[in-house]
Amino acid sequence: MTQLTQTADAYKSAYDALKSAEEALAKARTTLEADYALAGITRHATSDGHMVAVEQVERREFDIDALLVHAPNAFDKVTALKVEPKKFDAEVKAGTITAQAVAQVVTVKPHTRITVGVAV
C-alpha cells in the first residue's frame, strides 16, 4: 500500500466517522429536545458534570437586495460574500444604516441551540 493510499484511506475513514457521528448527534438532539419538553426543563447535568441546555435564540437573516436599496453607502462595508453582522451593527450604530433600513433588510428567525458546558 502506498503512502498516498494510506493518506486517502485515513481521510475516508475520518470522513465516514464524521458522517456517522453527525447522524448520531441528530438522533440524540431529537431525543434530547423531546425528553426535555416532556420533563418541562431546558437544561440538565450529565453524569460527568457537564450542563446540556436547549436554548431558544434568534438568528438574523439579511436581504442583500434590500440592503443595497436602503443603505447603499454601507453595503460594501458590511458585505463580503454575505453580510457580516458585526460590521452591520457597527454601521447601524454609526448611523449609516437607519432603523427603517434595518426593518427592510433584517429578518429575525427563531433557532434552537443546544450547548454543552461545565455544570455550575
PDB file of N, CA and C in Angstrom:
ATOM      1  N   MET A   1       0.849  -1.178   0.000  1.00  0.00           N
ATOM      2  CA  MET A   1       0.000   0.000   0.000  1.00  0.00           C
ATOM      3  C   MET A   1       0.896   1.244   0.000  1.00  0.00           C
ATOM      4  N   THR A   2       0.600   2.186  -0.870  1.00  0.00           N
ATOM      5  CA  THR A   2       1.418   3.394  -0.977  1.00  0.00           C
ATOM      6  C   THR A   2       1.039   4.399   0.099  1.00  0.00           C
ATOM      7  N   GLN A   3       1.911   5.376   0.300  1.00  0.00           N
ATOM      8  CA  GLN A   3       1.663   6.448   1.270  1.00  0.00           C
ATOM      9  C   GLN A   3       0.396   7.222   0.889  1.00  0.00           C
ATOM     10  N   LEU A   4       0.215   7.474  -0.400  1.00  0.00           N
ATOM     11  CA  LEU A   4      -0.974   8.210  -0.843  1.00  0.00           C
ATOM     12  C   LEU A   4      -2.250   7.420  -0.588  1.00  0.00           C
ATOM     13  N   THR A   5      -2.193   6.116  -0.774  1.00  0.00           N
ATOM     14  CA  THR A   5      -3.357   5.278  -0.477  1.00  0.00           C
ATOM     15  C   THR A   5      -3.658   5.305   1.009  1.00  0.00           C
ATOM     16  N   GLN A   6      -2.620   5.242   1.840  1.00  0.00           N
ATOM     17  CA  GLN A   6      -2.818   5.306   3.291  1.00  0.00           C
ATOM     18  C   GLN A   6      -3.418   6.651   3.689  1.00  0.00           C
ATOM     19  N   THR A   7      -2.930   7.727   3.083  1.00  0.00           N
ATOM     20  CA  THR A   7      -3.460   9.055   3.382  1.00  0.00           C
ATOM     21  C   THR A   7      -4.919   9.159   2.954  1.00  0.00           C
ATOM     22  N   ALA A   8      -5.222   8.663   1.755  1.00  0.00           N
ATOM     23  CA  ALA A   8      -6.605   8.692   1.269  1.00  0.00           C
ATOM     24  C   ALA A   8      -7.508   7.827   2.146  1.00  0.00           C
ATOM     25  N   ASP A   9      -7.014   6.660   2.544  1.00  0.00           N
ATOM     26  CA  ASP A   9      -7.782   5.776   3.420  1.00  0.00           C
ATOM     27  C   ASP A   9      -8.046   6.426   4.775  1.00  0.00           C
ATOM     28  N   ALA A  10      -7.028   7.095   5.313  1.00  0.00           N
ATOM     29  CA  ALA A  10      -7.180   7.767   6.613  1.00  0.00           C
ATOM     30  C   ALA A  10      -8.230   8.867   6.522  1.00  0.00           C
ATOM     31  N   TYR A  11      -8.188   9.621   5.432  1.00  0.00           N
ATOM     32  CA  TYR A  11      -9.178  10.682   5.251  1.00  0.00           C
ATOM     33  C   TYR A  11     -10.577  10.086   5.122  1.00  0.00           C
ATOM     34  N   LYS A  12     -10.718   9.059   4.304  1.00  0.00           N
ATOM     35  CA  LYS A  12     -12.024   8.407   4.100  1.00  0.00           C
ATOM     36  C   LYS A  12     -12.557   7.847   5.413  1.00  0.00           C
ATOM     37  N   SER A  13     -11.687   7.265   6.202  1.00  0.00           N
ATOM     38  CA  SER A  13     -12.092   6.733   7.498  1.00  0.00           C
ATOM     39  C   SER A  13     -12.592   7.844   8.418  1.00  0.00           C
ATOM     40  N   ALA A  14     -11.864   8.956   8.458  1.00  0.00           N
ATOM     41  CA  ALA A  14     -12.276  10.097   9.286  1.00  0.00           C
ATOM     42  C   ALA A  14     -13.586  10.683   8.765  1.00  0.00           C
ATOM     43  N   TYR A  15     -13.723  10.755   7.459  1.00  0.00           N
ATOM     44  CA  TYR A  15     -14.945  11.271   6.838  1.00  0.00           C
ATOM     45  C   TYR A  15     -16.142  10.395   7.211  1.00  0.00           C
ATOM     46  N   ASP A  16     -15.969   9.074   7.098  1.00  0.00           N
ATOM     47  CA  ASP A  16     -17.043   8.152   7.466  1.00  0.00           C
ATOM     48  C   ASP A  16     -17.411   8.287   8.945  1.00  0.00           C
ATOM     49  N   ALA A  17     -16.401   8.430   9.799  1.00  0.00           N
ATOM     50  CA  ALA A  17     -16.655   8.595  11.239  1.00  0.00           C
ATOM     51  C   ALA A  17     -17.420   9.888  11.502  1.00  0.00           C
ATOM     52  N   LEU A  18     -17.051  10.945  10.793  1.00  0.00           N
ATOM     53  CA  LEU A  18     -17.741  12.225  10.949  1.00  0.00           C
ATOM     54  C   LEU A  18     -19.204  12.103  10.533  1.00  0.00           C
ATOM     55  N   LYS A  19     -19.460  11.494   9.400  1.00  0.00           N
ATOM     56  CA  LYS A  19     -20.843  11.325   8.936  1.00  0.00           C
ATOM     57  C   LYS A  19     -21.657  10.497   9.927  1.00  0.00           C
ATOM     58  N   SER A  20     -21.047   9.440  10.443  1.00  0.00           N
ATOM     59  CA  SER A  20     -21.720   8.590  11.423  1.00  0.00           C
ATOM     60  C   SER A  20     -22.012   9.378  12.702  1.00  0.00           C
ATOM     61  N   ALA A  21     -21.045  10.171  13.137  1.00  0.00           N
ATOM     62  CA  ALA A  21     -21.222  10.989  14.345  1.00  0.00           C
ATOM     63  C   ALA A  21     -22.303  12.048  14.127  1.00  0.00           C
ATOM     64  N   GLU A  22     -22.347  12.647  12.940  1.00  0.00           N
ATOM     65  CA  GLU A  22     -23.378  13.650  12.647  1.00  0.00           C
ATOM     66  C   GLU A  22     -24.770  13.026  12.700  1.00  0.00           C
ATOM     67  N   GLU A  23     -24.911  11.810  12.178  1.00  0.00           N
ATOM     68  CA  GLU A  23     -26.205  11.111  12.227  1.00  0.00           C
ATOM     69  C   GLU A  23     -26.591  10.798  13.668  1.00  0.00           C
ATOM     70  N   ALA A  24     -25.628  10.323  14.457  1.00  0.00           N
ATOM     71  CA  ALA A  24     -25.899  10.008  15.867  1.00  0.00           C
ATOM     72  C   ALA A  24     -26.264  11.275  16.638  1.00  0.00           C
ATOM     73  N   LEU A  25     -25.578  12.372  16.344  1.00  0.00           N
ATOM     74  CA  LEU A  25     -25.858  13.641  17.012  1.00  0.00           C
ATOM     75  C   LEU A  25     -27.263  14.134  16.671  1.00  0.00           C
ATOM     76  N   ALA A  26     -27.665  14.012  15.417  1.00  0.00           N
ATOM     77  CA  ALA A  26     -29.005  14.441  15.010  1.00  0.00           C
ATOM     78  C   ALA A  26     -30.079  13.629  15.731  1.00  0.00           C
ATOM     79  N   LYS A  27     -29.882  12.319  15.833  1.00  0.00           N
ATOM     80  CA  LYS A  27     -30.845  11.471  16.547  1.00  0.00           C
ATOM     81  C   LYS A  27     -30.875  11.827  18.033  1.00  0.00           C
ATOM     82  N   ALA A  28     -29.706  12.031  18.629  1.00  0.00           N
ATOM     83  CA  ALA A  28     -29.634  12.380  20.051  1.00  0.00           C
ATOM     84  C   ALA A  28     -30.289  13.735  20.306  1.00  0.00           C
ATOM     85  N   ARG A  29     -30.119  14.678  19.379  1.00  0.00           N
ATOM     86  CA  ARG A  29     -30.729  16.003  19.528  1.00  0.00           C
ATOM     87  C   ARG A  29     -32.248  15.894  19.538  1.00  0.00           C
ATOM     88  N   THR A  30     -32.791  15.108  18.622  1.00  0.00           N
ATOM     89  CA  THR A  30     -34.244  14.929  18.562  1.00  0.00           C
ATOM     90  C   THR A  30     -34.766  14.339  19.869  1.00  0.00           C
ATOM     91  N   THR A  31     -34.092  13.327  20.367  1.00  0.00           N
ATOM     92  CA  THR A  31     -34.494  12.692  21.620  1.00  0.00           C
ATOM     93  C   THR A  31     -34.347  13.660  22.787  1.00  0.00           C
ATOM     94  N   LEU A  32     -33.233  14.392  22.827  1.00  0.00           N
ATOM     95  CA  LEU A  32     -32.986  15.366  23.897  1.00  0.00           C
ATOM     96  C   LEU A  32     -34.076  16.419  23.940  1.00  0.00           C
ATOM     97  N   GLU A  33     -34.393  17.011  22.786  1.00  0.00           N
ATOM     98  CA  GLU A  33     -35.426  18.047  22.749  1.00  0.00           C
ATOM     99  C   GLU A  33     -36.776  17.498  23.193  1.00  0.00           C
ATOM    100  N   ALA A  34     -37.109  16.293  22.748  1.00  0.00           N
ATOM    101  CA  ALA A  34     -38.393  15.691  23.130  1.00  0.00           C
ATOM    102  C   ALA A  34     -38.438  15.376  24.620  1.00  0.00           C
ATOM    103  N   ASP A  35     -37.370  14.797  25.156  1.00  0.00           N
ATOM    104  CA  ASP A  35     -37.339  14.450  26.581  1.00  0.00           C
ATOM    105  C   ASP A  35     -37.356  15.695  27.468  1.00  0.00           C
ATOM    106  N   TYR A  36     -36.621  16.727  27.079  1.00  0.00           N
ATOM    107  CA  TYR A  36     -36.627  17.973  27.854  1.00  0.00           C
ATOM    108  C   TYR A  36     -38.020  18.594  27.830  1.00  0.00           C
ATOM    109  N   ALA A  37     -38.659  18.612  26.664  1.00  0.00           N
ATOM    110  CA  ALA A  37     -40.004  19.186  26.560  1.00  0.00           C
ATOM    111  C   ALA A  37     -40.987  18.407  27.426  1.00  0.00           C
ATOM    112  N   LEU A  38     -40.892  17.089  27.406  1.00  0.00           N
ATOM    113  CA  LEU A  38     -41.762  16.247  28.210  1.00  0.00           C
ATOM    114  C   LEU A  38     -41.563  16.508  29.705  1.00  0.00           C
ATOM    115  N   ALA A  39     -40.300  16.732  30.099  1.00  0.00           N
ATOM    116  CA  ALA A  39     -39.992  16.989  31.507  1.00  0.00           C
ATOM    117  C   ALA A  39     -40.209  18.453  31.893  1.00  0.00           C
ATOM    118  N   GLY A  40     -40.416  19.321  30.900  1.00  0.00           N
ATOM    119  CA  GLY A  40     -40.624  20.741  31.176  1.00  0.00           C
ATOM    120  C   GLY A  40     -39.360  21.449  31.626  1.00  0.00           C
ATOM    121  N   ILE A  41     -38.205  21.012  31.129  1.00  0.00           N
ATOM    122  CA  ILE A  41     -36.932  21.622  31.511  1.00  0.00           C
ATOM    123  C   ILE A  41     -36.194  22.096  30.264  1.00  0.00           C
ATOM    124  N   THR A  42     -35.168  22.926  30.472  1.00  0.00           N
ATOM    125  CA  THR A  42     -34.343  23.391  29.362  1.00  0.00           C
ATOM    126  C   THR A  42     -32.871  23.051  29.563  1.00  0.00           C
ATOM    127  N   ARG A  43     -32.521  22.532  30.734  1.00  0.00           N
ATOM    128  CA  ARG A  43     -31.128  22.171  30.979  1.00  0.00           C
ATOM    129  C   ARG A  43     -31.055  21.046  32.002  1.00  0.00           C
ATOM    130  N   HIS A  44     -29.990  20.241  31.878  1.00  0.00           N
ATOM    131  CA  HIS A  44     -29.797  19.141  32.813  1.00  0.00           C
ATOM    132  C   HIS A  44     -28.331  18.747  32.779  1.00  0.00           C
ATOM    133  N   ALA A  45     -27.804  18.330  33.911  1.00  0.00           N
ATOM    134  CA  ALA A  45     -26.396  17.948  34.003  1.00  0.00           C
ATOM    135  C   ALA A  45     -26.196  16.502  33.566  1.00  0.00           C
ATOM    136  N   THR A  46     -25.062  16.251  32.936  1.00  0.00           N
ATOM    137  CA  THR A  46     -24.679  14.890  32.573  1.00  0.00           C
ATOM    138  C   THR A  46     -24.041  14.219  33.780  1.00  0.00           C
ATOM    139  N   SER A  47     -23.781  12.931  33.680  1.00  0.00           N
ATOM    140  CA  SER A  47     -23.180  12.201  34.799  1.00  0.00           C
ATOM    141  C   SER A  47     -21.768  12.676  35.112  1.00  0.00           C
ATOM    142  N   ASP A  48     -21.085  13.315  34.137  1.00  0.00           N
ATOM    143  CA  ASP A  48     -19.723  13.797  34.408  1.00  0.00           C
ATOM    144  C   ASP A  48     -19.679  15.290  34.731  1.00  0.00           C
ATOM    145  N   GLY A  49     -20.855  15.894  34.982  1.00  0.00           N
ATOM    146  CA  GLY A  49     -20.891  17.276  35.459  1.00  0.00           C
ATOM    147  C   GLY A  49     -21.038  18.348  34.397  1.00  0.00           C
ATOM    148  N   HIS A  50     -21.194  17.983  33.145  1.00  0.00           N
ATOM    149  CA  HIS A  50     -21.415  18.984  32.099  1.00  0.00           C
ATOM    150  C   HIS A  50     -22.902  19.318  32.008  1.00  0.00           C
ATOM    151  N   MET A  51     -23.193  20.551  31.668  1.00  0.00           N
ATOM    152  CA  MET A  51     -24.571  21.001  31.529  1.00  0.00           C
ATOM    153  C   MET A  51     -24.950  20.956  30.057  1.00  0.00           C
ATOM    154  N   VAL A  52     -26.088  20.339  29.743  1.00  0.00           N
ATOM    155  CA  VAL A  52     -26.602  20.319  28.371  1.00  0.00           C
ATOM    156  C   VAL A  52     -27.888  21.140  28.390  1.00  0.00           C
ATOM    157  N   ALA A  53     -27.904  22.219  27.612  1.00  0.00           N
ATOM    158  CA  ALA A  53     -29.036  23.142  27.631  1.00  0.00           C
ATOM    159  C   ALA A  53     -29.638  23.293  26.240  1.00  0.00           C
ATOM    160  N   VAL A  54     -30.947  23.423  26.197  1.00  0.00           N
ATOM    161  CA  VAL A  54     -31.672  23.729  24.964  1.00  0.00           C
ATOM    162  C   VAL A  54     -32.130  25.171  25.109  1.00  0.00           C
ATOM    163  N   GLU A  55     -31.656  26.029  24.217  1.00  0.00           N
ATOM    164  CA  GLU A  55     -31.951  27.461  24.307  1.00  0.00           C
ATOM    165  C   GLU A  55     -32.657  27.934  23.056  1.00  0.00           C
ATOM    166  N   GLN A  56     -33.643  28.791  23.232  1.00  0.00           N
ATOM    167  CA  GLN A  56     -34.295  29.439  22.097  1.00  0.00           C
ATOM    168  C   GLN A  56     -33.559  30.751  21.849  1.00  0.00           C
ATOM    169  N   VAL A  57     -32.979  30.874  20.700  1.00  0.00           N
ATOM    170  CA  VAL A  57     -32.238  32.081  20.333  1.00  0.00           C
ATOM    171  C   VAL A  57     -32.762  32.571  18.995  1.00  0.00           C
ATOM    172  N   GLU A  58     -32.323  33.753  18.597  1.00  0.00           N
ATOM    173  CA  GLU A  58     -32.743  34.312  17.321  1.00  0.00           C
ATOM    174  C   GLU A  58     -31.548  34.422  16.395  1.00  0.00           C
ATOM    175  N   ARG A  59     -31.775  34.156  15.149  1.00  0.00           N
ATOM    176  CA  ARG A  59     -30.739  34.263  14.124  1.00  0.00           C
ATOM    177  C   ARG A  59     -31.230  35.261  13.084  1.00  0.00           C
ATOM    178  N   ARG A  60     -30.400  36.238  12.786  1.00  0.00           N
ATOM    179  CA  ARG A  60     -30.797  37.238  11.791  1.00  0.00           C
ATOM    180  C   ARG A  60     -30.421  36.774  10.385  1.00  0.00           C
ATOM    181  N   GLU A  61     -31.307  37.068   9.444  1.00  0.00           N
ATOM    182  CA  GLU A  61     -31.020  36.845   8.037  1.00  0.00           C
ATOM    183  C   GLU A  61     -31.141  38.186   7.343  1.00  0.00           C
ATOM    184  N   PHE A  62     -30.252  38.439   6.408  1.00  0.00           N
ATOM    185  CA  PHE A  62     -30.191  39.739   5.752  1.00  0.00           C
ATOM    186  C   PHE A  62     -30.616  39.628   4.299  1.00  0.00           C
ATOM    187  N   ASP A  63     -31.432  40.585   3.854  1.00  0.00           N
ATOM    188  CA  ASP A  63     -31.852  40.673   2.459  1.00  0.00           C
ATOM    189  C   ASP A  63     -30.855  41.581   1.751  1.00  0.00           C
ATOM    190  N   ILE A  64     -29.967  40.990   0.985  1.00  0.00           N
ATOM    191  CA  ILE A  64     -28.895  41.734   0.326  1.00  0.00           C
ATOM    192  C   ILE A  64     -29.443  42.807  -0.610  1.00  0.00           C
ATOM    193  N   ASP A  65     -30.472  42.469  -1.395  1.00  0.00           N
ATOM    194  CA  ASP A  65     -31.042  43.437  -2.335  1.00  0.00           C
ATOM    195  C   ASP A  65     -31.643  44.629  -1.601  1.00  0.00           C
ATOM    196  N   ALA A  66     -32.350  44.360  -0.498  1.00  0.00           N
ATOM    197  CA  ALA A  66     -32.943  45.454   0.280  1.00  0.00           C
ATOM    198  C   ALA A  66     -31.859  46.306   0.925  1.00  0.00           C
ATOM    199  N   LEU A  67     -30.781  45.680   1.378  1.00  0.00           N
ATOM    200  CA  LEU A  67     -29.671  46.445   1.968  1.00  0.00           C
ATOM    201  C   LEU A  67     -29.080  47.400   0.935  1.00  0.00           C
ATOM    202  N   LEU A  68     -28.896  46.945  -0.269  1.00  0.00           N
ATOM    203  CA  LEU A  68     -28.332  47.782  -1.325  1.00  0.00           C
ATOM    204  C   LEU A  68     -29.240  48.973  -1.616  1.00  0.00           C
ATOM    205  N   VAL A  69     -30.555  48.761  -1.588  1.00  0.00           N
ATOM    206  CA  VAL A  69     -31.511  49.844  -1.845  1.00  0.00           C
ATOM    207  C   VAL A  69     -31.581  50.813  -0.675  1.00  0.00           C
ATOM    208  N   HIS A  70     -31.649  50.290   0.552  1.00  0.00           N
ATOM    209  CA  HIS A  70     -31.926  51.127   1.723  1.00  0.00           C
ATOM    210  C   HIS A  70     -30.685  51.679   2.412  1.00  0.00           C
ATOM    211  N   ALA A  71     -29.535  51.101   2.169  1.00  0.00           N
ATOM    212  CA  ALA A  71     -28.304  51.597   2.796  1.00  0.00           C
ATOM    213  C   ALA A  71     -27.121  51.397   1.844  1.00  0.00           C
ATOM    214  N   PRO A  72     -27.173  52.018   0.674  1.00  0.00           N
ATOM    215  CA  PRO A  72     -26.118  51.785  -0.319  1.00  0.00           C
ATOM    216  C   PRO A  72     -24.736  52.226   0.144  1.00  0.00           C
ATOM    217  N   ASN A  73     -24.666  53.255   1.004  1.00  0.00           N
ATOM    218  CA  ASN A  73     -23.365  53.732   1.479  1.00  0.00           C
ATOM    219  C   ASN A  73     -22.684  52.737   2.407  1.00  0.00           C
ATOM    220  N   ALA A  74     -23.459  51.861   3.018  1.00  0.00           N
ATOM    221  CA  ALA A  74     -22.886  50.879   3.945  1.00  0.00           C
ATOM    222  C   ALA A  74     -22.700  49.511   3.302  1.00  0.00           C
ATOM    223  N   PHE A  75     -23.265  49.308   2.132  1.00  0.00           N
ATOM    224  CA  PHE A  75     -23.284  47.981   1.515  1.00  0.00           C
ATOM    225  C   PHE A  75     -21.891  47.353   1.443  1.00  0.00           C
ATOM    226  N   ASP A  76     -20.935  48.060   0.865  1.00  0.00           N
ATOM    227  CA  ASP A  76     -19.589  47.500   0.717  1.00  0.00           C
ATOM    228  C   ASP A  76     -18.889  47.301   2.058  1.00  0.00           C
ATOM    229  N   LYS A  77     -19.265  48.092   3.052  1.00  0.00           N
ATOM    230  CA  LYS A  77     -18.627  47.990   4.368  1.00  0.00           C
ATOM    231  C   LYS A  77     -19.076  46.759   5.145  1.00  0.00           C
ATOM    232  N   VAL A  78     -20.290  46.294   4.876  1.00  0.00           N
ATOM    233  CA  VAL A  78     -20.840  45.204   5.697  1.00  0.00           C
ATOM    234  C   VAL A  78     -21.002  43.883   4.959  1.00  0.00           C
ATOM    235  N   THR A  79     -20.611  43.836   3.712  1.00  0.00           N
ATOM    236  CA  THR A  79     -20.769  42.593   2.972  1.00  0.00           C
ATOM    237  C   THR A  79     -19.442  42.097   2.420  1.00  0.00           C
ATOM    238  N   ALA A  80     -19.326  40.818   2.353  1.00  0.00           N
ATOM    239  CA  ALA A  80     -18.238  40.152   1.644  1.00  0.00           C
ATOM    240  C   ALA A  80     -18.993  39.238   0.685  1.00  0.00           C
ATOM    241  N   LEU A  81     -19.012  37.952   0.972  1.00  0.00           N
ATOM    242  CA  LEU A  81     -19.900  37.059   0.235  1.00  0.00           C
ATOM    243  C   LEU A  81     -21.266  37.028   0.906  1.00  0.00           C
ATOM    244  N   LYS A  82     -21.312  37.554   2.128  1.00  0.00           N
ATOM    245  CA  LYS A  82     -22.552  37.644   2.887  1.00  0.00           C
ATOM    246  C   LYS A  82     -22.432  38.863   3.796  1.00  0.00           C
ATOM    247  N   VAL A  83     -23.522  39.260   4.415  1.00  0.00           N
ATOM    248  CA  VAL A  83     -23.473  40.384   5.356  1.00  0.00           C
ATOM    249  C   VAL A  83     -22.751  39.930   6.615  1.00  0.00           C
ATOM    250  N   GLU A  84     -21.823  40.727   7.066  1.00  0.00           N
ATOM    251  CA  GLU A  84     -21.101  40.429   8.303  1.00  0.00           C
ATOM    252  C   GLU A  84     -21.816  41.148   9.446  1.00  0.00           C
ATOM    253  N   PRO A  85     -22.495  40.397  10.336  1.00  0.00           N
ATOM    254  CA  PRO A  85     -23.331  41.008  11.374  1.00  0.00           C
ATOM    255  C   PRO A  85     -22.624  42.052  12.240  1.00  0.00           C
ATOM    256  N   LYS A  86     -21.384  41.817  12.634  1.00  0.00           N
ATOM    257  CA  LYS A  86     -20.691  42.789  13.494  1.00  0.00           C
ATOM    258  C   LYS A  86     -20.464  44.108  12.750  1.00  0.00           C
ATOM    259  N   LYS A  87     -20.081  44.017  11.494  1.00  0.00           N
ATOM    260  CA  LYS A  87     -19.885  45.235  10.703  1.00  0.00           C
ATOM    261  C   LYS A  87     -21.224  45.928  10.449  1.00  0.00           C
ATOM    262  N   PHE A  88     -22.262  45.127  10.209  1.00  0.00           N
ATOM    263  CA  PHE A  88     -23.603  45.680  10.021  1.00  0.00           C
ATOM    264  C   PHE A  88     -24.012  46.464  11.262  1.00  0.00           C
ATOM    265  N   ASP A  89     -23.842  45.862  12.437  1.00  0.00           N
ATOM    266  CA  ASP A  89     -24.199  46.522  13.695  1.00  0.00           C
ATOM    267  C   ASP A  89     -23.405  47.805  13.904  1.00  0.00           C
ATOM    268  N   ALA A  90     -22.141  47.790  13.508  1.00  0.00           N
ATOM    269  CA  ALA A  90     -21.299  48.985  13.651  1.00  0.00           C
ATOM    270  C   ALA A  90     -21.825  50.116  12.770  1.00  0.00           C
ATOM    271  N   GLU A  91     -22.275  49.782  11.569  1.00  0.00           N
ATOM    272  CA  GLU A  91     -22.819  50.807  10.674  1.00  0.00           C
ATOM    273  C   GLU A  91     -24.176  51.320  11.159  1.00  0.00           C
ATOM    274  N   VAL A  92     -24.970  50.450  11.797  1.00  0.00           N
ATOM    275  CA  VAL A  92     -26.222  50.902  12.410  1.00  0.00           C
ATOM    276  C   VAL A  92     -25.902  51.878  13.532  1.00  0.00           C
ATOM    277  N   LYS A  93     -24.936  51.517  14.364  1.00  0.00           N
ATOM    278  CA  LYS A  93     -24.531  52.382  15.482  1.00  0.00           C
ATOM    279  C   LYS A  93     -23.984  53.716  14.977  1.00  0.00           C
ATOM    280  N   ALA A  94     -23.262  53.676  13.860  1.00  0.00           N
ATOM    281  CA  ALA A  94     -22.686  54.900  13.300  1.00  0.00           C
ATOM    282  C   ALA A  94     -23.730  55.756  12.585  1.00  0.00           C
ATOM    283  N   GLY A  95     -24.906  55.189  12.331  1.00  0.00           N
ATOM    284  CA  GLY A  95     -25.968  55.936  11.672  1.00  0.00           C
ATOM    285  C   GLY A  95     -25.978  55.808  10.155  1.00  0.00           C
ATOM    286  N   THR A  96     -25.059  55.042   9.610  1.00  0.00           N
ATOM    287  CA  THR A  96     -25.020  54.843   8.162  1.00  0.00           C
ATOM    288  C   THR A  96     -26.201  54.007   7.699  1.00  0.00           C
ATOM    289  N   ILE A  97     -26.640  53.091   8.547  1.00  0.00           N
ATOM    290  CA  ILE A  97     -27.825  52.275   8.261  1.00  0.00           C
ATOM    291  C   ILE A  97     -28.913  52.705   9.233  1.00  0.00           C
ATOM    292  N   THR A  98     -30.034  53.165   8.699  1.00  0.00           N
ATOM    293  CA  THR A  98     -31.124  53.669   9.540  1.00  0.00           C
ATOM    294  C   THR A  98     -31.979  52.530  10.083  1.00  0.00           C
ATOM    295  N   ALA A  99     -32.788  52.854  11.077  1.00  0.00           N
ATOM    296  CA  ALA A  99     -33.723  51.866  11.635  1.00  0.00           C
ATOM    297  C   ALA A  99     -34.701  51.398  10.568  1.00  0.00           C
ATOM    298  N   GLN A 100     -35.107  52.306   9.681  1.00  0.00           N
ATOM    299  CA  GLN A 100     -36.006  51.933   8.586  1.00  0.00           C
ATOM    300  C   GLN A 100     -35.324  50.925   7.670  1.00  0.00           C
ATOM    301  N   ALA A 101     -34.052  51.132   7.378  1.00  0.00           N
ATOM    302  CA  ALA A 101     -33.307  50.196   6.531  1.00  0.00           C
ATOM    303  C   ALA A 101     -33.182  48.843   7.224  1.00  0.00           C
ATOM    304  N   VAL A 102     -32.914  48.847   8.534  1.00  0.00           N
ATOM    305  CA  VAL A 102     -32.803  47.596   9.287  1.00  0.00           C
ATOM    306  C   VAL A 102     -34.105  46.809   9.170  1.00  0.00           C
ATOM    307  N   ALA A 103     -35.233  47.507   9.310  1.00  0.00           N
ATOM    308  CA  ALA A 103     -36.537  46.852   9.231  1.00  0.00           C
ATOM    309  C   ALA A 103     -36.768  46.222   7.857  1.00  0.00           C
ATOM    310  N   GLN A 104     -36.217  46.808   6.812  1.00  0.00           N
ATOM    311  CA  GLN A 104     -36.383  46.284   5.459  1.00  0.00           C
ATOM    312  C   GLN A 104     -35.390  45.179   5.124  1.00  0.00           C
ATOM    313  N   VAL A 105     -34.270  45.166   5.813  1.00  0.00           N
ATOM    314  CA  VAL A 105     -33.159  44.283   5.456  1.00  0.00           C
ATOM    315  C   VAL A 105     -33.084  43.026   6.313  1.00  0.00           C
ATOM    316  N   VAL A 106     -33.399  43.144   7.598  1.00  0.00           N
ATOM    317  CA  VAL A 106     -33.152  42.058   8.538  1.00  0.00           C
ATOM    318  C   VAL A 106     -34.433  41.291   8.860  1.00  0.00           C
ATOM    319  N   THR A 107     -34.331  39.978   8.793  1.00  0.00           N
ATOM    320  CA  THR A 107     -35.393  39.095   9.247  1.00  0.00           C
ATOM    321  C   THR A 107     -34.816  38.278  10.395  1.00  0.00           C
ATOM    322  N   VAL A 108     -35.494  38.275  11.523  1.00  0.00           N
ATOM    323  CA  VAL A 108     -35.022  37.516  12.677  1.00  0.00           C
ATOM    324  C   VAL A 108     -35.824  36.227  12.743  1.00  0.00           C
ATOM    325  N   LYS A 109     -35.111  35.114  12.753  1.00  0.00           N
ATOM    326  CA  LYS A 109     -35.771  33.812  12.795  1.00  0.00           C
ATOM    327  C   LYS A 109     -35.371  33.080  14.061  1.00  0.00           C
ATOM    328  N   PRO A 110     -36.341  32.443  14.727  1.00  0.00           N
ATOM    329  CA  PRO A 110     -36.002  31.671  15.921  1.00  0.00           C
ATOM    330  C   PRO A 110     -35.167  30.448  15.551  1.00  0.00           C
ATOM    331  N   HIS A 111     -34.324  30.085  16.448  1.00  0.00           N
ATOM    332  CA  HIS A 111     -33.415  28.958  16.228  1.00  0.00           C
ATOM    333  C   HIS A 111     -33.174  28.276  17.565  1.00  0.00           C
ATOM    334  N   THR A 112     -33.157  26.970  17.584  1.00  0.00           N
ATOM    335  CA  THR A 112     -32.876  26.238  18.818  1.00  0.00           C
ATOM    336  C   THR A 112     -31.408  25.868  18.821  1.00  0.00           C
ATOM    337  N   ARG A 113     -30.738  26.254  19.900  1.00  0.00           N
ATOM    338  CA  ARG A 113     -29.313  25.957  20.042  1.00  0.00           C
ATOM    339  C   ARG A 113     -29.149  25.053  21.251  1.00  0.00           C
ATOM    340  N   ILE A 114     -28.337  24.031  21.115  1.00  0.00           N
ATOM    341  CA  ILE A 114     -28.028  23.158  22.238  1.00  0.00           C
ATOM    342  C   ILE A 114     -26.575  23.392  22.612  1.00  0.00           C
ATOM    343  N   THR A 115     -26.346  23.677  23.873  1.00  0.00           N
ATOM    344  CA  THR A 115     -24.990  23.943  24.344  1.00  0.00           C
ATOM    345  C   THR A 115     -24.585  22.905  25.376  1.00  0.00           C
ATOM    346  N   VAL A 116     -23.307  22.629  25.415  1.00  0.00           N
ATOM    347  CA  VAL A 116     -22.754  21.731  26.413  1.00  0.00           C
ATOM    348  C   VAL A 116     -21.656  22.490  27.119  1.00  0.00           C
ATOM    349  N   GLY A 117     -21.757  22.576  28.439  1.00  0.00           N
ATOM    350  CA  GLY A 117     -20.762  23.287  29.216  1.00  0.00           C
ATOM    351  C   GLY A 117     -20.592  22.645  30.576  1.00  0.00           C
ATOM    352  N   VAL A 118     -19.710  23.217  31.360  1.00  0.00           N
ATOM    353  CA  VAL A 118     -19.449  22.695  32.695  1.00  0.00           C
ATOM    354  C   VAL A 118     -20.594  23.089  33.611  1.00  0.00           C
ATOM    355  N   ALA A 119     -21.087  22.151  34.404  1.00  0.00           N
ATOM    356  CA  ALA A 119     -22.173  22.423  35.347  1.00  0.00           C
ATOM    357  C   ALA A 119     -21.702  23.393  36.403  1.00  0.00           C
ATOM    358  N   VAL A 120     -22.632  24.217  36.833  1.00  0.00           N
ATOM    359  CA  VAL A 120     -22.314  25.205  37.870  1.00  0.00           C
ATOM    360  C   VAL A 120     -22.743  24.681  39.215  1.00  0.00           C
TER     361      VAL A 120
END
